[in-house]
Structure formats: structure tokens, C-alpha cells
């Protein structure tokens, strides 16, 4: 998916395309972002149709990482309140219409139907589940993700989920800034368009981390 122009630029800058030749599973976490009904269900207020297509890749990667002794973290989005009482007032007051706002608030309210992890995703008994209330799960105050990762001595994050160019990219950028190794899983992330998806992958591989397929990651785990 990465254009030759970007590949040439990366090679000229650092002399190799990919950053990581192998992963220590015990220090690696698969981060699955927003793969919940609000974003995956047909007709949902924030539906990303392509998110349903990445379910097999996420399941394969999660199974492989668990077998190797790694960690799987499911991060779902939740916001409470509405209007000026919302815990993310600026977003809800400015970026969605009244009709979309009402449906989104209901869907993302803690405990609401939109919080359920999408059908077909395989959640393991030892997997971790966390909520976030901002695009990035690693911005200060958004979630407990950083604390959990540090407590488990995790230094490498495999980013999957939706949207590639919003919550996944925001989390990936902050992760790199916090000194985590970052990999964006190209066939395990989804956006509303291919153009937006690829643009994020090209951003990440230039400045913030690596971009690998599920197969390439599993090879590096073995």
C-alpha cells in the first residue's frame, strides 16, 4: 500500500524500510481500538463498514500473540453526558449534527449497546479490556492504557482497529512520543476510505513506527 515515493524517502533517511526484525511476545501488546458496535454495526451512528472486514486479521494476530505469550488489549470508546455536561464537550458540540449527536451519545454512553465488542471477534479470558474517552488512548487522562502497559513491562504496541486515521493514528503517535515501539497493522486497521487509510500508513512509517501485515508480524513472532 505504501507508495514508491514514500518507500524511497524512508530508505534514503534510515537505510531500511522496516524497523523491527523480531518481536519479544512477552513485551508486546496487540491493541485493538474501537472494534465495538458503535463503529462496526451496519447503520450504527459512527459506522466504518470496512471495520467488519478486518475481523479475521485481528483474530489471527490475537491468537498468534497469545500462543507466543503476548498480551491482547481491547480498547473501546465511551463518553458520558451530553451537551455542556458531556465529558468531551468540544467534540459533541462542534463535530456532529444534532441527530448524529443524540444517537452517538446513546451508543457511547458507558454500558450502552454500542460498547459491546463486535460479533466474531475472539476475546480471550486473559485479555485486558479498557475504556477511553478521547481519540488517543494514551493522551493524559483518556484511559489507563499507559499504566497497564508499564506495569507489564510492555514496550511494543501492535495497533489494530478503527478508524485508521483517527483513533488508531492518534494512539500510535502518542505511543511513539512516550517511547513505545509502534507497529500499525496494515490489514488490521480500517478507515472510511482507502485514501485515508493509506495516508495514515505513510505518515506512520515515515515518522512514528513500522507498518506490517498480519503475516509479517506473525513471522517475526516465531
C-alpha atoms as a PDB file:
ATOM      1  CA  UNK A   1       0.000   0.000   0.000  1.00  0.00           C
ATOM      2  CA  UNK A   2       2.905   2.375   0.639  1.00  0.00           C
ATOM      3  CA  UNK A   3       3.799   4.400  -2.455  1.00  0.00           C
ATOM      4  CA  UNK A   4       7.248   4.038  -4.013  1.00  0.00           C
ATOM      5  CA  UNK A   5       7.879   7.718  -3.364  1.00  0.00           C
ATOM      6  CA  UNK A   6       7.443   7.192   0.387  1.00  0.00           C
ATOM      7  CA  UNK A   7       9.484   3.982   0.335  1.00  0.00           C
ATOM      8  CA  UNK A   8      12.347   5.790  -1.402  1.00  0.00           C
ATOM      9  CA  UNK A   9      12.160   8.627   1.111  1.00  0.00           C
ATOM     10  CA  UNK A  10      12.264   6.240   4.076  1.00  0.00           C
ATOM     11  CA  UNK A  11      15.157   4.265   2.622  1.00  0.00           C
ATOM     12  CA  UNK A  12      17.166   7.426   1.970  1.00  0.00           C
ATOM     13  CA  UNK A  13      16.593   8.609   5.507  1.00  0.00           C
ATOM     14  CA  UNK A  14      17.281   5.489   7.561  1.00  0.00           C
ATOM     15  CA  UNK A  15      18.604   2.873   5.140  1.00  0.00           C
ATOM     16  CA  UNK A  16      15.877   0.289   5.687  1.00  0.00           C
ATOM     17  CA  UNK A  17      12.129   0.157   5.278  1.00  0.00           C
ATOM     18  CA  UNK A  18      11.089  -1.855   8.326  1.00  0.00           C
ATOM     19  CA  UNK A  19      12.217  -1.114  11.842  1.00  0.00           C
ATOM     20  CA  UNK A  20      11.741  -4.475  13.532  1.00  0.00           C
ATOM     21  CA  UNK A  21      13.117  -7.891  12.580  1.00  0.00           C
ATOM     22  CA  UNK A  22      11.670  -9.769  15.567  1.00  0.00           C
ATOM     23  CA  UNK A  23       9.303  -9.246  18.481  1.00  0.00           C
ATOM     24  CA  UNK A  24       9.575 -10.441  22.076  1.00  0.00           C
ATOM     25  CA  UNK A  25       5.984 -11.566  22.598  1.00  0.00           C
ATOM     26  CA  UNK A  26       6.172 -11.118  26.360  1.00  0.00           C
ATOM     27  CA  UNK A  27       6.886  -7.403  25.870  1.00  0.00           C
ATOM     28  CA  UNK A  28       4.428  -6.960  23.008  1.00  0.00           C
ATOM     29  CA  UNK A  29       0.750  -5.999  23.171  1.00  0.00           C
ATOM     30  CA  UNK A  30      -1.894  -6.133  20.477  1.00  0.00           C
ATOM     31  CA  UNK A  31      -4.008  -3.006  20.932  1.00  0.00           C
ATOM     32  CA  UNK A  32      -7.481  -3.402  19.404  1.00  0.00           C
ATOM     33  CA  UNK A  33      -9.131   0.000  19.161  1.00  0.00           C
ATOM     34  CA  UNK A  34     -12.870   0.721  18.923  1.00  0.00           C
ATOM     35  CA  UNK A  35     -13.927  -2.608  17.423  1.00  0.00           C
ATOM     36  CA  UNK A  36     -17.338  -2.202  19.027  1.00  0.00           C
ATOM     37  CA  UNK A  37     -20.914  -1.952  17.792  1.00  0.00           C
ATOM     38  CA  UNK A  38     -20.857   1.863  17.577  1.00  0.00           C
ATOM     39  CA  UNK A  39     -18.271   1.636  14.797  1.00  0.00           C
ATOM     40  CA  UNK A  40     -18.837  -1.808  13.295  1.00  0.00           C
ATOM     41  CA  UNK A  41     -22.588  -2.442  13.172  1.00  0.00           C
ATOM     42  CA  UNK A  42     -24.456  -1.649   9.929  1.00  0.00           C
ATOM     43  CA  UNK A  43     -26.331   1.611  10.391  1.00  0.00           C
ATOM     44  CA  UNK A  44     -24.531   2.481  13.625  1.00  0.00           C
ATOM     45  CA  UNK A  45     -24.001   6.210  14.249  1.00  0.00           C
ATOM     46  CA  UNK A  46     -20.257   6.024  13.593  1.00  0.00           C
ATOM     47  CA  UNK A  47     -20.218   3.035  11.239  1.00  0.00           C
ATOM     48  CA  UNK A  48     -16.976   2.164   9.450  1.00  0.00           C
ATOM     49  CA  UNK A  49     -18.063  -0.583   7.016  1.00  0.00           C
ATOM     50  CA  UNK A  50     -14.500  -1.735   6.323  1.00  0.00           C
ATOM     51  CA  UNK A  51     -14.023  -2.468  10.033  1.00  0.00           C
ATOM     52  CA  UNK A  52     -16.031  -5.656   9.611  1.00  0.00           C
ATOM     53  CA  UNK A  53     -13.529  -6.869   7.014  1.00  0.00           C
ATOM     54  CA  UNK A  54     -10.545  -6.766   9.382  1.00  0.00           C
ATOM     55  CA  UNK A  55     -12.048  -9.140  11.958  1.00  0.00           C
ATOM     56  CA  UNK A  56     -10.210 -12.242  10.614  1.00  0.00           C
ATOM     57  CA  UNK A  57      -6.832 -10.480  10.672  1.00  0.00           C
ATOM     58  CA  UNK A  58      -7.326  -9.272  14.237  1.00  0.00           C
ATOM     59  CA  UNK A  59      -8.375 -12.742  15.371  1.00  0.00           C
ATOM     60  CA  UNK A  60      -5.349 -14.362  13.722  1.00  0.00           C
ATOM     61  CA  UNK A  61      -2.969 -11.886  15.254  1.00  0.00           C
ATOM     62  CA  UNK A  62      -4.554 -12.197  18.690  1.00  0.00           C
ATOM     63  CA  UNK A  63      -4.358 -15.997  18.575  1.00  0.00           C
ATOM     64  CA  UNK A  64      -0.732 -15.936  17.477  1.00  0.00           C
ATOM     65  CA  UNK A  65       0.294 -13.445  20.126  1.00  0.00           C
ATOM     66  CA  UNK A  66      -1.486 -15.313  22.913  1.00  0.00           C
ATOM     67  CA  UNK A  67       0.184 -18.578  21.893  1.00  0.00           C
ATOM     68  CA  UNK A  68       3.567 -16.845  21.982  1.00  0.00           C
ATOM     69  CA  UNK A  69       2.938 -15.450  25.461  1.00  0.00           C
ATOM     70  CA  UNK A  70       1.960 -11.932  24.471  1.00  0.00           C
ATOM     71  CA  UNK A  71      -0.779  -9.548  25.536  1.00  0.00           C
ATOM     72  CA  UNK A  72      -4.073  -8.526  23.943  1.00  0.00           C
ATOM     73  CA  UNK A  73      -5.799  -5.303  24.999  1.00  0.00           C
ATOM     74  CA  UNK A  74      -9.297  -4.342  23.835  1.00  0.00           C
ATOM     75  CA  UNK A  75      -9.817  -0.577  23.982  1.00  0.00           C
ATOM     76  CA  UNK A  76     -13.377   0.635  23.479  1.00  0.00           C
ATOM     77  CA  UNK A  77     -14.652   4.199  23.412  1.00  0.00           C
ATOM     78  CA  UNK A  78     -17.097   5.647  25.926  1.00  0.00           C
ATOM     79  CA  UNK A  79     -18.351   9.128  26.733  1.00  0.00           C
ATOM     80  CA  UNK A  80     -20.809  10.196  29.387  1.00  0.00           C
ATOM     81  CA  UNK A  81     -23.280  13.067  29.391  1.00  0.00           C
ATOM     82  CA  UNK A  82     -24.498  15.350  26.637  1.00  0.00           C
ATOM     83  CA  UNK A  83     -24.161  18.993  25.682  1.00  0.00           C
ATOM     84  CA  UNK A  84     -22.264  21.110  28.165  1.00  0.00           C
ATOM     85  CA  UNK A  85     -22.435  18.221  30.636  1.00  0.00           C
ATOM     86  CA  UNK A  86     -20.528  15.880  28.327  1.00  0.00           C
ATOM     87  CA  UNK A  87     -17.076  14.678  29.313  1.00  0.00           C
ATOM     88  CA  UNK A  88     -15.982  15.682  25.767  1.00  0.00           C
ATOM     89  CA  UNK A  89     -17.981  18.854  25.260  1.00  0.00           C
ATOM     90  CA  UNK A  90     -15.896  20.333  22.409  1.00  0.00           C
ATOM     91  CA  UNK A  91     -16.305  17.258  20.231  1.00  0.00           C
ATOM     92  CA  UNK A  92     -20.027  16.786  20.712  1.00  0.00           C
ATOM     93  CA  UNK A  93     -20.866  20.483  20.414  1.00  0.00           C
ATOM     94  CA  UNK A  94     -18.878  21.103  17.241  1.00  0.00           C
ATOM     95  CA  UNK A  95     -18.189  17.997  15.168  1.00  0.00           C
ATOM     96  CA  UNK A  96     -21.559  16.220  14.854  1.00  0.00           C
ATOM     97  CA  UNK A  97     -25.066  17.312  13.931  1.00  0.00           C
ATOM     98  CA  UNK A  98     -27.921  17.249  16.453  1.00  0.00           C
ATOM     99  CA  UNK A  99     -29.343  13.993  15.069  1.00  0.00           C
ATOM    100  CA  UNK A 100     -25.990  12.230  14.926  1.00  0.00           C
ATOM    101  CA  UNK A 101     -25.061  13.591  18.345  1.00  0.00           C
ATOM    102  CA  UNK A 102     -28.126  12.078  20.018  1.00  0.00           C
ATOM    103  CA  UNK A 103     -27.512   8.657  18.511  1.00  0.00           C
ATOM    104  CA  UNK A 104     -23.790   8.756  19.257  1.00  0.00           C
ATOM    105  CA  UNK A 105     -24.266   9.831  22.873  1.00  0.00           C
ATOM    106  CA  UNK A 106     -26.687   6.968  23.424  1.00  0.00           C
ATOM    107  CA  UNK A 107     -24.399   4.461  21.741  1.00  0.00           C
ATOM    108  CA  UNK A 108     -21.224   5.552  23.523  1.00  0.00           C
ATOM    109  CA  UNK A 109     -22.762   6.006  26.962  1.00  0.00           C
ATOM    110  CA  UNK A 110     -20.983   3.666  29.413  1.00  0.00           C
ATOM    111  CA  UNK A 111     -22.904   0.420  29.496  1.00  0.00           C
ATOM    112  CA  UNK A 112     -24.772   1.205  26.285  1.00  0.00           C
ATOM    113  CA  UNK A 113     -25.277  -1.248  23.447  1.00  0.00           C
ATOM    114  CA  UNK A 114     -22.548   0.399  21.407  1.00  0.00           C
ATOM    115  CA  UNK A 115     -19.929  -0.689  23.934  1.00  0.00           C
ATOM    116  CA  UNK A 116     -20.172  -4.364  23.027  1.00  0.00           C
ATOM    117  CA  UNK A 117     -17.210  -5.791  21.131  1.00  0.00           C
ATOM    118  CA  UNK A 118     -18.195  -6.629  17.570  1.00  0.00           C
ATOM    119  CA  UNK A 119     -19.543 -10.063  16.711  1.00  0.00           C
ATOM    120  CA  UNK A 120     -16.976 -12.566  15.504  1.00  0.00           C
ATOM    121  CA  UNK A 121     -14.036 -11.097  17.405  1.00  0.00           C
ATOM    122  CA  UNK A 122     -12.441 -13.653  19.691  1.00  0.00           C
ATOM    123  CA  UNK A 123     -11.795 -12.249  23.160  1.00  0.00           C
ATOM    124  CA  UNK A 124      -9.582 -14.414  25.366  1.00  0.00           C
ATOM    125  CA  UNK A 125     -10.177 -14.940  29.064  1.00  0.00           C
ATOM    126  CA  UNK A 126      -6.828 -13.348  29.939  1.00  0.00           C
ATOM    127  CA  UNK A 127      -7.235 -10.397  27.564  1.00  0.00           C
ATOM    128  CA  UNK A 128      -7.479  -6.915  29.047  1.00  0.00           C
ATOM    129  CA  UNK A 129     -10.402  -4.538  28.437  1.00  0.00           C
ATOM    130  CA  UNK A 130     -10.152  -0.775  28.860  1.00  0.00           C
ATOM    131  CA  UNK A 131     -12.258   2.295  28.083  1.00  0.00           C
ATOM    132  CA  UNK A 132     -11.003   5.539  26.567  1.00  0.00           C
ATOM    133  CA  UNK A 133     -12.831   8.853  26.206  1.00  0.00           C
ATOM    134  CA  UNK A 134     -10.632  10.566  23.599  1.00  0.00           C
ATOM    135  CA  UNK A 135      -9.331   9.600  20.159  1.00  0.00           C
ATOM    136  CA  UNK A 136      -5.975   8.624  21.634  1.00  0.00           C
ATOM    137  CA  UNK A 137      -5.943   6.004  24.354  1.00  0.00           C
ATOM    138  CA  UNK A 138      -2.591   7.376  25.503  1.00  0.00           C
ATOM    139  CA  UNK A 139      -3.265  11.079  25.894  1.00  0.00           C
ATOM    140  CA  UNK A 140      -3.194  12.101  29.555  1.00  0.00           C
ATOM    141  CA  UNK A 141      -6.433  11.232  31.331  1.00  0.00           C
ATOM    142  CA  UNK A 142      -8.035   9.343  28.437  1.00  0.00           C
ATOM    143  CA  UNK A 143      -7.578   5.807  29.773  1.00  0.00           C
ATOM    144  CA  UNK A 144      -5.484   3.532  31.971  1.00  0.00           C
ATOM    145  CA  UNK A 145      -3.639   2.083  28.982  1.00  0.00           C
ATOM    146  CA  UNK A 146      -0.200   3.549  29.648  1.00  0.00           C
ATOM    147  CA  UNK A 147      -0.278   2.479  33.303  1.00  0.00           C
ATOM    148  CA  UNK A 148      -1.258  -1.070  32.335  1.00  0.00           C
ATOM    149  CA  UNK A 149       1.471  -1.315  29.699  1.00  0.00           C
ATOM    150  CA  UNK A 150       4.185   0.000  32.025  1.00  0.00           C
ATOM    151  CA  UNK A 151       3.116  -2.356  34.807  1.00  0.00           C
ATOM    152  CA  UNK A 152       3.571  -5.325  32.448  1.00  0.00           C
ATOM    153  CA  UNK A 153       6.908  -4.100  31.065  1.00  0.00           C
ATOM    154  CA  UNK A 154       5.445  -3.880  27.551  1.00  0.00           C
ATOM    155  CA  UNK A 155       7.499  -1.855  25.087  1.00  0.00           C
ATOM    156  CA  UNK A 156       5.965  -2.733  21.691  1.00  0.00           C
ATOM    157  CA  UNK A 157       2.426  -1.990  20.520  1.00  0.00           C
ATOM    158  CA  UNK A 158       0.702  -3.559  17.522  1.00  0.00           C
ATOM    159  CA  UNK A 159      -2.112  -1.171  16.599  1.00  0.00           C
ATOM    160  CA  UNK A 160      -5.320  -2.531  15.062  1.00  0.00           C
ATOM    161  CA  UNK A 161      -8.911  -1.351  14.853  1.00  0.00           C
ATOM    162  CA  UNK A 162     -10.749   1.687  13.541  1.00  0.00           C
ATOM    163  CA  UNK A 163     -10.534   4.345  12.289  1.00  0.00           C
ATOM    164  CA  UNK A 164      -7.011   4.047  10.947  1.00  0.00           C
ATOM    165  CA  UNK A 165      -6.651   7.802  10.547  1.00  0.00           C
ATOM    166  CA  UNK A 166      -8.357   8.875  13.770  1.00  0.00           C
ATOM    167  CA  UNK A 167      -8.179   6.813  16.949  1.00  0.00           C
ATOM    168  CA  UNK A 168      -5.559   4.356  15.686  1.00  0.00           C
ATOM    169  CA  UNK A 169      -3.265   7.062  14.346  1.00  0.00           C
ATOM    170  CA  UNK A 170      -3.755   9.279  17.407  1.00  0.00           C
ATOM    171  CA  UNK A 171      -2.850   6.411  19.728  1.00  0.00           C
ATOM    172  CA  UNK A 172       0.132   5.386  17.575  1.00  0.00           C
ATOM    173  CA  UNK A 173       1.550   8.909  17.503  1.00  0.00           C
ATOM    174  CA  UNK A 174       1.283   9.300  21.276  1.00  0.00           C
ATOM    175  CA  UNK A 175       2.762   5.841  21.818  1.00  0.00           C
ATOM    176  CA  UNK A 176       5.888   6.716  19.866  1.00  0.00           C
ATOM    177  CA  UNK A 177       6.153  10.014  21.755  1.00  0.00           C
ATOM    178  CA  UNK A 178       6.037   8.011  25.002  1.00  0.00           C
ATOM    179  CA  UNK A 179       8.909   5.785  23.809  1.00  0.00           C
ATOM    180  CA  UNK A 180       6.927   2.687  22.848  1.00  0.00           C
ATOM    181  CA  UNK A 181       7.832   0.781  19.689  1.00  0.00           C
ATOM    182  CA  UNK A 182       4.872   1.146  17.340  1.00  0.00           C
ATOM    183  CA  UNK A 183       3.588  -1.049  14.522  1.00  0.00           C
ATOM    184  CA  UNK A 184       0.499  -0.177  12.529  1.00  0.00           C
ATOM    185  CA  UNK A 185      -1.066  -3.390  11.212  1.00  0.00           C
ATOM    186  CA  UNK A 186      -1.955  -2.548   7.623  1.00  0.00           C
ATOM    187  CA  UNK A 187      -4.557  -5.295   7.158  1.00  0.00           C
ATOM    188  CA  UNK A 188      -5.823  -4.992  10.740  1.00  0.00           C
ATOM    189  CA  UNK A 189      -6.917  -1.364  10.580  1.00  0.00           C
ATOM    190  CA  UNK A 190      -9.782   0.254   8.689  1.00  0.00           C
ATOM    191  CA  UNK A 191     -10.899   3.757   7.682  1.00  0.00           C
ATOM    192  CA  UNK A 192     -13.826   5.213   5.764  1.00  0.00           C
ATOM    193  CA  UNK A 193     -11.779   5.286   2.561  1.00  0.00           C
ATOM    194  CA  UNK A 194      -8.684   3.636   1.156  1.00  0.00           C
ATOM    195  CA  UNK A 195      -7.130   7.057   0.619  1.00  0.00           C
ATOM    196  CA  UNK A 196      -7.381   7.975   4.299  1.00  0.00           C
ATOM    197  CA  UNK A 197      -6.153   4.537   5.341  1.00  0.00           C
ATOM    198  CA  UNK A 198      -3.048   4.669   3.164  1.00  0.00           C
ATOM    199  CA  UNK A 199      -2.278   8.275   4.111  1.00  0.00           C
ATOM    200  CA  UNK A 200      -2.017   7.224   7.750  1.00  0.00           C
ATOM    201  CA  UNK A 201       0.178   4.240   6.956  1.00  0.00           C
ATOM    202  CA  UNK A 202       2.513   6.550   5.052  1.00  0.00           C
ATOM    203  CA  UNK A 203       2.589   9.007   7.961  1.00  0.00           C
ATOM    204  CA  UNK A 204       3.367   6.266  10.454  1.00  0.00           C
ATOM    205  CA  UNK A 205       6.162   4.566   8.518  1.00  0.00           C
ATOM    206  CA  UNK A 206       7.946   7.873   7.953  1.00  0.00           C
ATOM    207  CA  UNK A 207       7.901   9.295  11.465  1.00  0.00           C
ATOM    208  CA  UNK A 208       6.147   7.190  14.105  1.00  0.00           C
ATOM    209  CA  UNK A 209       6.666   3.462  13.684  1.00  0.00           C
ATOM    210  CA  UNK A 210       6.557   0.497  11.357  1.00  0.00           C
ATOM    211  CA  UNK A 211       3.808  -0.748   9.043  1.00  0.00           C
ATOM    212  CA  UNK A 212       3.450  -4.532   8.719  1.00  0.00           C
ATOM    213  CA  UNK A 213       0.833  -7.059   7.669  1.00  0.00           C
ATOM    214  CA  UNK A 214      -0.519  -9.727   9.993  1.00  0.00           C
ATOM    215  CA  UNK A 215       1.595 -12.367   8.241  1.00  0.00           C
ATOM    216  CA  UNK A 216       4.757 -10.283   8.593  1.00  0.00           C
ATOM    217  CA  UNK A 217       4.145  -9.814  12.314  1.00  0.00           C
ATOM    218  CA  UNK A 218       3.454 -13.492  12.944  1.00  0.00           C
ATOM    219  CA  UNK A 219       6.679 -14.381  11.133  1.00  0.00           C
ATOM    220  CA  UNK A 220       8.604 -12.037  13.403  1.00  0.00           C
ATOM    221  CA  UNK A 221       6.953 -13.551  16.498  1.00  0.00           C
ATOM    222  CA  UNK A 222       8.047 -17.057  15.522  1.00  0.00           C
END
